[in-house]
Amino acid sequence: MPVVLRLKGYRFWFYEADLSEPPHVHVGKDDKEAKFWLDPIDLARAGHFHPHELSKIQRILKDYQLDLLEAWYSELEKHANR
């Protein structure tokens, strides 16, 4: 899946295989990858990020939650129409 957001050195994306799960986003930077649920925003997997980085990511997710949810449901719809 494509990256849906790049901000402050972080990449945010979805995996097509995960679209059957509740809305969530994968977040990567360098060799680290975390997973966050989007509604409500909650950490699913820390992926070797330090706590201060996870807090920064959560703040970004709060700011972009609606955009990310819209992107999630758009991808879900595209996938359903294949």
PDB file of N, CA and C in Angstrom:
ATOM      1  N   MET A   1       0.832  -1.184   0.000  1.00  0.00           N
ATOM      2  CA  MET A   1       0.000   0.000   0.000  1.00  0.00           C
ATOM      3  C   MET A   1       0.874   1.244   0.000  1.00  0.00           C
ATOM      4  N   PRO A   2       0.351   2.276  -0.562  1.00  0.00           N
ATOM      5  CA  PRO A   2       1.137   3.510  -0.600  1.00  0.00           C
ATOM      6  C   PRO A   2       1.181   4.217   0.757  1.00  0.00           C
ATOM      7  N   VAL A   3       2.170   5.036   0.889  1.00  0.00           N
ATOM      8  CA  VAL A   3       2.276   5.889   2.073  1.00  0.00           C
ATOM      9  C   VAL A   3       1.178   6.943   1.978  1.00  0.00           C
ATOM     10  N   VAL A   4       0.405   7.129   3.048  1.00  0.00           N
ATOM     11  CA  VAL A   4      -0.702   8.087   3.030  1.00  0.00           C
ATOM     12  C   VAL A   4      -0.336   9.402   3.703  1.00  0.00           C
ATOM     13  N   LEU A   5       0.776   9.418   4.437  1.00  0.00           N
ATOM     14  CA  LEU A   5       1.217  10.646   5.104  1.00  0.00           C
ATOM     15  C   LEU A   5       2.708  10.533   5.397  1.00  0.00           C
ATOM     16  N   ARG A   6       3.410  11.621   5.152  1.00  0.00           N
ATOM     17  CA  ARG A   6       4.818  11.751   5.545  1.00  0.00           C
ATOM     18  C   ARG A   6       4.919  13.041   6.352  1.00  0.00           C
ATOM     19  N   LEU A   7       5.436  12.910   7.562  1.00  0.00           N
ATOM     20  CA  LEU A   7       5.506  14.083   8.420  1.00  0.00           C
ATOM     21  C   LEU A   7       6.586  13.882   9.476  1.00  0.00           C
ATOM     22  N   LYS A   8       7.440  14.875   9.627  1.00  0.00           N
ATOM     23  CA  LYS A   8       8.479  14.880  10.656  1.00  0.00           C
ATOM     24  C   LYS A   8       9.360  13.625  10.615  1.00  0.00           C
ATOM     25  N   GLY A   9       9.622  13.146   9.403  1.00  0.00           N
ATOM     26  CA  GLY A   9      10.470  11.982   9.232  1.00  0.00           C
ATOM     27  C   GLY A   9       9.759  10.649   9.365  1.00  0.00           C
ATOM     28  N   TYR A  10       8.469  10.662   9.673  1.00  0.00           N
ATOM     29  CA  TYR A  10       7.684   9.431   9.814  1.00  0.00           C
ATOM     30  C   TYR A  10       6.887   9.171   8.542  1.00  0.00           C
ATOM     31  N   ARG A  11       6.711   7.897   8.223  1.00  0.00           N
ATOM     32  CA  ARG A  11       5.852   7.462   7.126  1.00  0.00           C
ATOM     33  C   ARG A  11       4.653   6.737   7.723  1.00  0.00           C
ATOM     34  N   PHE A  12       3.490   7.003   7.195  1.00  0.00           N
ATOM     35  CA  PHE A  12       2.245   6.388   7.664  1.00  0.00           C
ATOM     36  C   PHE A  12       1.603   5.665   6.492  1.00  0.00           C
ATOM     37  N   TRP A  13       1.275   4.367   6.666  1.00  0.00           N
ATOM     38  CA  TRP A  13       0.701   3.605   5.566  1.00  0.00           C
ATOM     39  C   TRP A  13      -0.201   2.494   6.088  1.00  0.00           C
ATOM     40  N   PHE A  14      -0.921   1.890   5.138  1.00  0.00           N
ATOM     41  CA  PHE A  14      -1.779   0.738   5.405  1.00  0.00           C
ATOM     42  C   PHE A  14      -1.258  -0.430   4.582  1.00  0.00           C
ATOM     43  N   TYR A  15      -1.519  -1.652   5.053  1.00  0.00           N
ATOM     44  CA  TYR A  15      -1.267  -2.860   4.275  1.00  0.00           C
ATOM     45  C   TYR A  15      -2.605  -3.372   3.761  1.00  0.00           C
ATOM     46  N   GLU A  16      -2.662  -3.700   2.501  1.00  0.00           N
ATOM     47  CA  GLU A  16      -3.897  -4.196   1.908  1.00  0.00           C
ATOM     48  C   GLU A  16      -4.411  -5.440   2.642  1.00  0.00           C
ATOM     49  N   ALA A  17      -3.517  -6.287   3.064  1.00  0.00           N
ATOM     50  CA  ALA A  17      -3.911  -7.519   3.757  1.00  0.00           C
ATOM     51  C   ALA A  17      -4.569  -7.248   5.109  1.00  0.00           C
ATOM     52  N   ASP A  18      -4.393  -6.051   5.643  1.00  0.00           N
ATOM     53  CA  ASP A  18      -4.941  -5.702   6.960  1.00  0.00           C
ATOM     54  C   ASP A  18      -6.316  -5.049   6.902  1.00  0.00           C
ATOM     55  N   LEU A  19      -6.871  -4.864   5.705  1.00  0.00           N
ATOM     56  CA  LEU A  19      -8.119  -4.108   5.595  1.00  0.00           C
ATOM     57  C   LEU A  19      -9.306  -4.806   6.247  1.00  0.00           C
ATOM     58  N   SER A  20      -9.168  -6.066   6.605  1.00  0.00           N
ATOM     59  CA  SER A  20     -10.250  -6.752   7.313  1.00  0.00           C
ATOM     60  C   SER A  20     -10.209  -6.453   8.820  1.00  0.00           C
ATOM     61  N   GLU A  21      -9.135  -5.842   9.286  1.00  0.00           N
ATOM     62  CA  GLU A  21      -9.010  -5.458  10.697  1.00  0.00           C
ATOM     63  C   GLU A  21      -9.662  -4.099  10.913  1.00  0.00           C
ATOM     64  N   PRO A  22      -9.859  -3.699  12.166  1.00  0.00           N
ATOM     65  CA  PRO A  22     -10.339  -2.336  12.431  1.00  0.00           C
ATOM     66  C   PRO A  22      -9.333  -1.312  11.884  1.00  0.00           C
ATOM     67  N   PRO A  23      -9.782  -0.078  11.638  1.00  0.00           N
ATOM     68  CA  PRO A  23      -8.890   0.937  11.071  1.00  0.00           C
ATOM     69  C   PRO A  23      -7.628   1.133  11.912  1.00  0.00           C
ATOM     70  N   HIS A  24      -6.490   1.079  11.239  1.00  0.00           N
ATOM     71  CA  HIS A  24      -5.210   1.276  11.895  1.00  0.00           C
ATOM     72  C   HIS A  24      -4.196   1.754  10.865  1.00  0.00           C
ATOM     73  N   VAL A  25      -3.069   2.196  11.355  1.00  0.00           N
ATOM     74  CA  VAL A  25      -2.011   2.689  10.480  1.00  0.00           C
ATOM     75  C   VAL A  25      -0.680   2.148  10.975  1.00  0.00           C
ATOM     76  N   HIS A  26       0.198   1.891  10.032  1.00  0.00           N
ATOM     77  CA  HIS A  26       1.571   1.506  10.347  1.00  0.00           C
ATOM     78  C   HIS A  26       2.420   2.756  10.227  1.00  0.00           C
ATOM     79  N   VAL A  27       3.362   2.915  11.128  1.00  0.00           N
ATOM     80  CA  VAL A  27       4.213   4.100  11.175  1.00  0.00           C
ATOM     81  C   VAL A  27       5.662   3.639  11.152  1.00  0.00           C
ATOM     82  N   GLY A  28       6.430   4.222  10.262  1.00  0.00           N
ATOM     83  CA  GLY A  28       7.822   3.819  10.165  1.00  0.00           C
ATOM     84  C   GLY A  28       8.774   4.991  10.146  1.00  0.00           C
ATOM     85  N   LYS A  29       9.949   4.736  10.668  1.00  0.00           N
ATOM     86  CA  LYS A  29      11.049   5.689  10.604  1.00  0.00           C
ATOM     87  C   LYS A  29      12.322   4.878  10.801  1.00  0.00           C
ATOM     88  N   ASP A  30      13.275   5.099   9.910  1.00  0.00           N
ATOM     89  CA  ASP A  30      14.506   4.313   9.926  1.00  0.00           C
ATOM     90  C   ASP A  30      14.128   2.829   9.836  1.00  0.00           C
ATOM     91  N   ASP A  31      14.584   2.018  10.766  1.00  0.00           N
ATOM     92  CA  ASP A  31      14.279   0.581  10.712  1.00  0.00           C
ATOM     93  C   ASP A  31      13.185   0.181  11.696  1.00  0.00           C
ATOM     94  N   LYS A  32      12.423   1.163  12.172  1.00  0.00           N
ATOM     95  CA  LYS A  32      11.379   0.888  13.163  1.00  0.00           C
ATOM     96  C   LYS A  32       9.995   0.963  12.517  1.00  0.00           C
ATOM     97  N   GLU A  33       9.076   0.132  13.002  1.00  0.00           N
ATOM     98  CA  GLU A  33       7.698   0.153  12.514  1.00  0.00           C
ATOM     99  C   GLU A  33       6.739  -0.123  13.668  1.00  0.00           C
ATOM    100  N   ALA A  34       5.832   0.810  13.900  1.00  0.00           N
ATOM    101  CA  ALA A  34       4.807   0.656  14.930  1.00  0.00           C
ATOM    102  C   ALA A  34       3.444   0.534  14.249  1.00  0.00           C
ATOM    103  N   LYS A  35       2.477   0.125  15.032  1.00  0.00           N
ATOM    104  CA  LYS A  35       1.098   0.014  14.551  1.00  0.00           C
ATOM    105  C   LYS A  35       0.192   0.684  15.572  1.00  0.00           C
ATOM    106  N   PHE A  36      -0.712   1.534  15.070  1.00  0.00           N
ATOM    107  CA  PHE A  36      -1.667   2.233  15.927  1.00  0.00           C
ATOM    108  C   PHE A  36      -3.082   2.027  15.412  1.00  0.00           C
ATOM    109  N   TRP A  37      -3.996   1.741  16.320  1.00  0.00           N
ATOM    110  CA  TRP A  37      -5.416   1.763  15.994  1.00  0.00           C
ATOM    111  C   TRP A  37      -5.814   3.222  15.818  1.00  0.00           C
ATOM    112  N   LEU A  38      -6.782   3.479  14.947  1.00  0.00           N
ATOM    113  CA  LEU A  38      -7.152   4.861  14.644  1.00  0.00           C
ATOM    114  C   LEU A  38      -8.406   5.352  15.347  1.00  0.00           C
ATOM    115  N   ASP A  39      -9.276   4.444  15.792  1.00  0.00           N
ATOM    116  CA  ASP A  39     -10.529   4.916  16.387  1.00  0.00           C
ATOM    117  C   ASP A  39     -10.987   3.974  17.490  1.00  0.00           C
ATOM    118  N   PRO A  40     -10.592   4.268  18.716  1.00  0.00           N
ATOM    119  CA  PRO A  40      -9.801   5.420  19.175  1.00  0.00           C
ATOM    120  C   PRO A  40      -8.306   5.172  18.923  1.00  0.00           C
ATOM    121  N   ILE A  41      -7.552   6.251  18.952  1.00  0.00           N
ATOM    122  CA  ILE A  41      -6.115   6.151  18.753  1.00  0.00           C
ATOM    123  C   ILE A  41      -5.506   5.408  19.936  1.00  0.00           C
ATOM    124  N   ASP A  42      -4.818   4.316  19.611  1.00  0.00           N
ATOM    125  CA  ASP A  42      -4.227   3.486  20.662  1.00  0.00           C
ATOM    126  C   ASP A  42      -3.084   2.687  20.058  1.00  0.00           C
ATOM    127  N   LEU A  43      -2.047   2.503  20.814  1.00  0.00           N
ATOM    128  CA  LEU A  43      -0.888   1.754  20.360  1.00  0.00           C
ATOM    129  C   LEU A  43      -1.223   0.267  20.288  1.00  0.00           C
ATOM    130  N   ALA A  44      -0.962  -0.333  19.128  1.00  0.00           N
ATOM    131  CA  ALA A  44      -1.146  -1.773  18.963  1.00  0.00           C
ATOM    132  C   ALA A  44       0.182  -2.507  19.099  1.00  0.00           C
ATOM    133  N   ARG A  45       1.249  -1.913  18.545  1.00  0.00           N
ATOM    134  CA  ARG A  45       2.577  -2.526  18.598  1.00  0.00           C
ATOM    135  C   ARG A  45       3.621  -1.418  18.522  1.00  0.00           C
ATOM    136  N   ALA A  46       4.554  -1.399  19.465  1.00  0.00           N
ATOM    137  CA  ALA A  46       5.527  -0.306  19.572  1.00  0.00           C
ATOM    138  C   ALA A  46       6.639  -0.376  18.525  1.00  0.00           C
ATOM    139  N   GLY A  47       6.983  -1.548  18.074  1.00  0.00           N
ATOM    140  CA  GLY A  47       7.952  -1.678  17.001  1.00  0.00           C
ATOM    141  C   GLY A  47       9.301  -1.027  17.238  1.00  0.00           C
ATOM    142  N   HIS A  48       9.829  -1.121  18.440  1.00  0.00           N
ATOM    143  CA  HIS A  48      11.155  -0.616  18.815  1.00  0.00           C
ATOM    144  C   HIS A  48      11.265   0.906  18.908  1.00  0.00           C
ATOM    145  N   PHE A  49      10.142   1.619  18.815  1.00  0.00           N
ATOM    146  CA  PHE A  49      10.181   3.065  19.038  1.00  0.00           C
ATOM    147  C   PHE A  49      10.324   3.325  20.532  1.00  0.00           C
ATOM    148  N   HIS A  50      11.024   4.385  20.875  1.00  0.00           N
ATOM    149  CA  HIS A  50      11.151   4.801  22.272  1.00  0.00           C
ATOM    150  C   HIS A  50       9.852   5.481  22.714  1.00  0.00           C
ATOM    151  N   PRO A  51       9.558   5.476  24.007  1.00  0.00           N
ATOM    152  CA  PRO A  51       8.315   6.091  24.495  1.00  0.00           C
ATOM    153  C   PRO A  51       8.118   7.542  24.044  1.00  0.00           C
ATOM    154  N   HIS A  52       9.179   8.346  24.029  1.00  0.00           N
ATOM    155  CA  HIS A  52       9.004   9.748  23.610  1.00  0.00           C
ATOM    156  C   HIS A  52       8.633   9.837  22.128  1.00  0.00           C
ATOM    157  N   GLU A  53       9.124   8.901  21.304  1.00  0.00           N
ATOM    158  CA  GLU A  53       8.751   8.887  19.893  1.00  0.00           C
ATOM    159  C   GLU A  53       7.295   8.462  19.728  1.00  0.00           C
ATOM    160  N   LEU A  54       6.867   7.484  20.515  1.00  0.00           N
ATOM    161  CA  LEU A  54       5.485   7.036  20.449  1.00  0.00           C
ATOM    162  C   LEU A  54       4.526   8.155  20.844  1.00  0.00           C
ATOM    163  N   SER A  55       4.925   8.965  21.815  1.00  0.00           N
ATOM    164  CA  SER A  55       4.101  10.109  22.215  1.00  0.00           C
ATOM    165  C   SER A  55       4.005  11.123  21.079  1.00  0.00           C
ATOM    166  N   LYS A  56       5.111  11.355  20.400  1.00  0.00           N
ATOM    167  CA  LYS A  56       5.122  12.286  19.263  1.00  0.00           C
ATOM    168  C   LYS A  56       4.215  11.758  18.148  1.00  0.00           C
ATOM    169  N   ILE A  57       4.306  10.467  17.871  1.00  0.00           N
ATOM    170  CA  ILE A  57       3.468   9.861  16.841  1.00  0.00           C
ATOM    171  C   ILE A  57       1.985   9.970  17.219  1.00  0.00           C
ATOM    172  N   GLN A  58       1.667   9.727  18.482  1.00  0.00           N
ATOM    173  CA  GLN A  58       0.269   9.840  18.919  1.00  0.00           C
ATOM    174  C   GLN A  58      -0.265  11.260  18.735  1.00  0.00           C
ATOM    175  N   ARG A  59       0.576  12.260  18.977  1.00  0.00           N
ATOM    176  CA  ARG A  59       0.143  13.650  18.754  1.00  0.00           C
ATOM    177  C   ARG A  59      -0.139  13.892  17.273  1.00  0.00           C
ATOM    178  N   ILE A  60       0.720  13.360  16.411  1.00  0.00           N
ATOM    179  CA  ILE A  60       0.500  13.485  14.969  1.00  0.00           C
ATOM    180  C   ILE A  60      -0.804  12.798  14.591  1.00  0.00           C
ATOM    181  N   LEU A  61      -1.017  11.604  15.116  1.00  0.00           N
ATOM    182  CA  LEU A  61      -2.239  10.871  14.799  1.00  0.00           C
ATOM    183  C   LEU A  61      -3.484  11.628  15.245  1.00  0.00           C
ATOM    184  N   LYS A  62      -3.421  12.268  16.391  1.00  0.00           N
ATOM    185  CA  LYS A  62      -4.565  13.071  16.842  1.00  0.00           C
ATOM    186  C   LYS A  62      -4.854  14.192  15.850  1.00  0.00           C
ATOM    187  N   ASP A  63      -3.800  14.840  15.374  1.00  0.00           N
ATOM    188  CA  ASP A  63      -3.960  15.954  14.428  1.00  0.00           C
ATOM    189  C   ASP A  63      -4.485  15.501  13.072  1.00  0.00           C
ATOM    190  N   TYR A  64      -4.163  14.295  12.661  1.00  0.00           N
ATOM    191  CA  TYR A  64      -4.508  13.802  11.328  1.00  0.00           C
ATOM    192  C   TYR A  64      -5.485  12.633  11.352  1.00  0.00           C
ATOM    193  N   GLN A  65      -6.106  12.394  12.483  1.00  0.00           N
ATOM    194  CA  GLN A  65      -6.986  11.235  12.630  1.00  0.00           C
ATOM    195  C   GLN A  65      -8.077  11.191  11.566  1.00  0.00           C
ATOM    196  N   LEU A  66      -8.771  12.279  11.350  1.00  0.00           N
ATOM    197  CA  LEU A  66      -9.867  12.274  10.377  1.00  0.00           C
ATOM    198  C   LEU A  66      -9.354  12.022   8.971  1.00  0.00           C
ATOM    199  N   ASP A  67      -8.229  12.614   8.608  1.00  0.00           N
ATOM    200  CA  ASP A  67      -7.642  12.389   7.285  1.00  0.00           C
ATOM    201  C   ASP A  67      -7.243  10.925   7.105  1.00  0.00           C
ATOM    202  N   LEU A  68      -6.649  10.339   8.134  1.00  0.00           N
ATOM    203  CA  LEU A  68      -6.219   8.946   8.054  1.00  0.00           C
ATOM    204  C   LEU A  68      -7.417   8.000   7.988  1.00  0.00           C
ATOM    205  N   LEU A  69      -8.447   8.288   8.751  1.00  0.00           N
ATOM    206  CA  LEU A  69      -9.653   7.456   8.672  1.00  0.00           C
ATOM    207  C   LEU A  69     -10.296   7.556   7.296  1.00  0.00           C
ATOM    208  N   GLU A  70     -10.323   8.743   6.739  1.00  0.00           N
ATOM    209  CA  GLU A  70     -10.869   8.921   5.391  1.00  0.00           C
ATOM    210  C   GLU A  70     -10.050   8.111   4.377  1.00  0.00           C
ATOM    211  N   ALA A  71      -8.730   8.153   4.501  1.00  0.00           N
ATOM    212  CA  ALA A  71      -7.864   7.377   3.610  1.00  0.00           C
ATOM    213  C   ALA A  71      -8.093   5.879   3.803  1.00  0.00           C
ATOM    214  N   TRP A  72      -8.263   5.442   5.049  1.00  0.00           N
ATOM    215  CA  TRP A  72      -8.520   4.024   5.334  1.00  0.00           C
ATOM    216  C   TRP A  72      -9.787   3.561   4.615  1.00  0.00           C
ATOM    217  N   TYR A  73     -10.880   4.307   4.797  1.00  0.00           N
ATOM    218  CA  TYR A  73     -12.146   3.889   4.203  1.00  0.00           C
ATOM    219  C   TYR A  73     -12.120   4.008   2.687  1.00  0.00           C
ATOM    220  N   SER A  74     -11.349   4.928   2.158  1.00  0.00           N
ATOM    221  CA  SER A  74     -11.169   5.029   0.712  1.00  0.00           C
ATOM    222  C   SER A  74     -10.451   3.790   0.177  1.00  0.00           C
ATOM    223  N   GLU A  75      -9.396   3.353   0.860  1.00  0.00           N
ATOM    224  CA  GLU A  75      -8.684   2.136   0.459  1.00  0.00           C
ATOM    225  C   GLU A  75      -9.582   0.914   0.590  1.00  0.00           C
ATOM    226  N   LEU A  76     -10.370   0.870   1.639  1.00  0.00           N
ATOM    227  CA  LEU A  76     -11.291  -0.239   1.844  1.00  0.00           C
ATOM    228  C   LEU A  76     -12.299  -0.317   0.690  1.00  0.00           C
ATOM    229  N   GLU A  77     -12.812   0.831   0.270  1.00  0.00           N
ATOM    230  CA  GLU A  77     -13.764   0.879  -0.828  1.00  0.00           C
ATOM    231  C   GLU A  77     -13.112   0.455  -2.143  1.00  0.00           C
ATOM    232  N   LYS A  78     -11.906   0.932  -2.399  1.00  0.00           N
ATOM    233  CA  LYS A  78     -11.177   0.527  -3.613  1.00  0.00           C
ATOM    234  C   LYS A  78     -10.985  -0.976  -3.652  1.00  0.00           C
ATOM    235  N   HIS A  79     -10.594  -1.523  -2.503  1.00  0.00           N
ATOM    236  CA  HIS A  79     -10.341  -2.964  -2.395  1.00  0.00           C
ATOM    237  C   HIS A  79     -11.631  -3.757  -2.625  1.00  0.00           C
ATOM    238  N   ALA A  80     -12.738  -3.271  -2.116  1.00  0.00           N
ATOM    239  CA  ALA A  80     -14.021  -3.969  -2.259  1.00  0.00           C
ATOM    240  C   ALA A  80     -14.495  -3.955  -3.701  1.00  0.00           C
ATOM    241  N   ASN A  81     -14.117  -2.928  -4.466  1.00  0.00           N
ATOM    242  CA  ASN A  81     -14.577  -2.798  -5.851  1.00  0.00           C
ATOM    243  C   ASN A  81     -13.695  -3.536  -6.847  1.00  0.00           C
ATOM    244  N   ARG A  82     -12.715  -4.270  -6.369  1.00  0.00           N
ATOM    245  CA  ARG A  82     -11.832  -5.026  -7.293  1.00  0.00           C
ATOM    246  C   ARG A  82     -12.441  -6.332  -7.664  1.00  0.00           C
TER     247      ARG A  82
END
